[in-house]
Amino acid sequence: MSSIIRAACAALLLALPLIACDEGPAETAGERIDRAAQNVRDAVDPPNGPIERVGRAIDRATD
């Protein structure tokens, strides 16, 4: 491989995480839909016990 191709591959690999971190309007809308679906699920089938409630709270905080 030539040095130019290697440099281009390295630049792409270093830039890929930056591209993946961009939150666009579609991702934001998807997160809202996910939260709405989880709220409906909680209303129909509430969490069983304090451990499950804490687990869901942690899931929401880390999303």
N, C-alpha and C. Protein backbone atom coordinates (compact mmCIF):
# COMPACT_ATOMS: atom_id res chain seq x y z
N MET A 1 0.84 -1.19 0.00
CA MET A 1 0.00 0.00 0.00
C MET A 1 0.88 1.24 0.00
N SER A 2 0.41 2.22 -0.70
CA SER A 2 1.19 3.45 -0.73
C SER A 2 0.95 4.24 0.55
N SER A 3 1.83 5.16 0.80
CA SER A 3 1.74 5.95 2.03
C SER A 3 0.51 6.86 2.03
N ILE A 4 0.08 7.28 0.85
CA ILE A 4 -1.10 8.14 0.77
C ILE A 4 -2.36 7.36 1.17
N ILE A 5 -2.46 6.12 0.71
CA ILE A 5 -3.62 5.31 1.06
C ILE A 5 -3.62 4.99 2.54
N ARG A 6 -2.44 4.68 3.08
CA ARG A 6 -2.36 4.42 4.52
C ARG A 6 -2.76 5.64 5.33
N ALA A 7 -2.31 6.82 4.91
CA ALA A 7 -2.65 8.05 5.63
C ALA A 7 -4.16 8.31 5.54
N ALA A 8 -4.76 8.05 4.38
CA ALA A 8 -6.19 8.26 4.21
C ALA A 8 -6.98 7.29 5.09
N CYS A 9 -6.55 6.04 5.16
CA CYS A 9 -7.23 5.06 6.02
C CYS A 9 -7.12 5.44 7.49
N ALA A 10 -5.95 5.89 7.89
CA ALA A 10 -5.76 6.31 9.28
C ALA A 10 -6.64 7.51 9.61
N ALA A 11 -6.71 8.47 8.70
CA ALA A 11 -7.55 9.66 8.93
C ALA A 11 -9.02 9.27 9.03
N LEU A 12 -9.44 8.33 8.18
CA LEU A 12 -10.83 7.88 8.23
C LEU A 12 -11.14 7.19 9.55
N LEU A 13 -10.24 6.33 10.02
CA LEU A 13 -10.46 5.64 11.28
C LEU A 13 -10.49 6.60 12.47
N LEU A 14 -9.70 7.66 12.41
CA LEU A 14 -9.69 8.63 13.50
C LEU A 14 -10.91 9.54 13.45
N ALA A 15 -11.45 9.80 12.26
CA ALA A 15 -12.60 10.70 12.13
C ALA A 15 -13.92 9.98 12.33
N LEU A 16 -13.95 8.66 12.18
CA LEU A 16 -15.20 7.92 12.27
C LEU A 16 -15.93 8.11 13.61
N PRO A 17 -15.25 8.04 14.76
CA PRO A 17 -15.99 8.27 16.02
C PRO A 17 -16.60 9.67 16.12
N LEU A 18 -15.96 10.66 15.52
CA LEU A 18 -16.51 12.02 15.57
C LEU A 18 -17.78 12.11 14.74
N ILE A 19 -17.81 11.40 13.63
CA ILE A 19 -19.00 11.41 12.78
C ILE A 19 -20.14 10.68 13.48
N ALA A 20 -19.83 9.59 14.14
CA ALA A 20 -20.86 8.77 14.79
C ALA A 20 -21.48 9.48 15.99
N CYS A 21 -20.82 10.46 16.57
CA CYS A 21 -21.32 11.13 17.76
C CYS A 21 -22.31 12.25 17.44
N ASP A 22 -22.47 12.57 16.19
CA ASP A 22 -23.34 13.68 15.81
C ASP A 22 -24.80 13.27 15.98
N GLU A 23 -25.53 13.99 16.84
CA GLU A 23 -26.95 13.73 17.04
C GLU A 23 -27.75 14.62 16.12
N GLY A 24 -28.40 14.01 15.16
CA GLY A 24 -29.23 14.75 14.23
C GLY A 24 -30.68 14.70 14.63
N PRO A 25 -31.53 15.32 13.84
CA PRO A 25 -32.95 15.35 14.17
C PRO A 25 -33.60 13.96 14.14
N ALA A 26 -33.12 13.07 13.27
CA ALA A 26 -33.70 11.72 13.21
C ALA A 26 -33.38 10.94 14.48
N GLU A 27 -32.15 11.09 14.98
CA GLU A 27 -31.79 10.38 16.21
C GLU A 27 -32.58 10.92 17.40
N THR A 28 -32.75 12.22 17.46
CA THR A 28 -33.52 12.83 18.54
C THR A 28 -34.98 12.35 18.49
N ALA A 29 -35.55 12.30 17.29
CA ALA A 29 -36.93 11.82 17.14
C ALA A 29 -37.03 10.35 17.55
N GLY A 30 -36.04 9.56 17.19
CA GLY A 30 -36.04 8.15 17.57
C GLY A 30 -35.98 7.96 19.07
N GLU A 31 -35.18 8.78 19.74
CA GLU A 31 -35.09 8.71 21.21
C GLU A 31 -36.42 9.07 21.85
N ARG A 32 -37.11 10.06 21.29
CA ARG A 32 -38.42 10.45 21.83
C ARG A 32 -39.43 9.32 21.67
N ILE A 33 -39.39 8.66 20.52
CA ILE A 33 -40.29 7.52 20.28
C ILE A 33 -39.99 6.40 21.26
N ASP A 34 -38.70 6.13 21.48
CA ASP A 34 -38.31 5.09 22.43
C ASP A 34 -38.81 5.40 23.84
N ARG A 35 -38.66 6.67 24.26
CA ARG A 35 -39.13 7.06 25.59
C ARG A 35 -40.64 6.93 25.70
N ALA A 36 -41.36 7.32 24.64
CA ALA A 36 -42.82 7.22 24.66
C ALA A 36 -43.26 5.76 24.75
N ALA A 37 -42.58 4.90 24.01
CA ALA A 37 -42.92 3.47 24.06
C ALA A 37 -42.64 2.90 25.45
N GLN A 38 -41.55 3.31 26.07
CA GLN A 38 -41.23 2.83 27.42
C GLN A 38 -42.26 3.33 28.42
N ASN A 39 -42.71 4.57 28.27
CA ASN A 39 -43.73 5.11 29.18
C ASN A 39 -45.05 4.35 29.04
N VAL A 40 -45.41 3.99 27.81
CA VAL A 40 -46.63 3.20 27.59
C VAL A 40 -46.46 1.83 28.24
N ARG A 41 -45.29 1.22 28.05
CA ARG A 41 -45.04 -0.10 28.65
C ARG A 41 -45.12 -0.01 30.18
N ASP A 42 -44.56 1.05 30.75
CA ASP A 42 -44.62 1.22 32.21
C ASP A 42 -46.06 1.39 32.69
N ALA A 43 -46.90 2.05 31.89
CA ALA A 43 -48.29 2.25 32.29
C ALA A 43 -49.06 0.93 32.23
N VAL A 44 -48.79 0.11 31.21
CA VAL A 44 -49.49 -1.16 31.05
C VAL A 44 -48.94 -2.21 31.99
N ASP A 45 -47.61 -2.28 32.09
CA ASP A 45 -46.94 -3.28 32.91
C ASP A 45 -45.91 -2.57 33.79
N PRO A 46 -46.33 -2.05 34.95
CA PRO A 46 -45.41 -1.27 35.78
C PRO A 46 -44.24 -2.12 36.27
N PRO A 47 -43.13 -1.45 36.59
CA PRO A 47 -41.96 -2.18 37.09
C PRO A 47 -42.31 -2.97 38.36
N ASN A 48 -41.76 -4.16 38.46
CA ASN A 48 -42.02 -5.03 39.61
C ASN A 48 -40.92 -4.84 40.64
N GLY A 49 -41.19 -4.06 41.63
CA GLY A 49 -40.25 -3.90 42.72
C GLY A 49 -39.27 -2.76 42.53
N PRO A 50 -38.58 -2.43 43.60
CA PRO A 50 -37.68 -1.27 43.58
C PRO A 50 -36.43 -1.49 42.72
N ILE A 51 -35.95 -2.71 42.60
CA ILE A 51 -34.75 -2.96 41.82
C ILE A 51 -35.01 -2.72 40.34
N GLU A 52 -36.15 -3.15 39.85
CA GLU A 52 -36.48 -2.92 38.44
C GLU A 52 -36.69 -1.43 38.18
N ARG A 53 -37.30 -0.73 39.11
CA ARG A 53 -37.48 0.72 38.96
C ARG A 53 -36.14 1.43 38.89
N VAL A 54 -35.21 1.04 39.76
CA VAL A 54 -33.88 1.65 39.75
C VAL A 54 -33.16 1.32 38.44
N GLY A 55 -33.29 0.10 37.97
CA GLY A 55 -32.67 -0.29 36.70
C GLY A 55 -33.18 0.52 35.54
N ARG A 56 -34.47 0.75 35.50
CA ARG A 56 -35.05 1.57 34.41
C ARG A 56 -34.60 3.01 34.54
N ALA A 57 -34.49 3.52 35.76
CA ALA A 57 -34.02 4.89 35.95
C ALA A 57 -32.57 5.03 35.48
N ILE A 58 -31.76 4.03 35.76
CA ILE A 58 -30.37 4.06 35.29
C ILE A 58 -30.33 3.99 33.77
N ASP A 59 -31.16 3.14 33.17
CA ASP A 59 -31.21 3.07 31.70
C ASP A 59 -31.56 4.41 31.10
N ARG A 60 -32.54 5.09 31.68
CA ARG A 60 -32.94 6.38 31.14
C ARG A 60 -31.85 7.43 31.32
N ALA A 61 -31.14 7.38 32.45
CA ALA A 61 -30.10 8.36 32.72
C ALA A 61 -28.91 8.19 31.79
N THR A 62 -28.62 6.95 31.41
CA THR A 62 -27.45 6.71 30.57
C THR A 62 -27.73 6.81 29.09
N ASP A 63 -28.99 6.94 28.69
CA ASP A 63 -29.31 7.07 27.26
C ASP A 63 -29.05 8.45 26.76
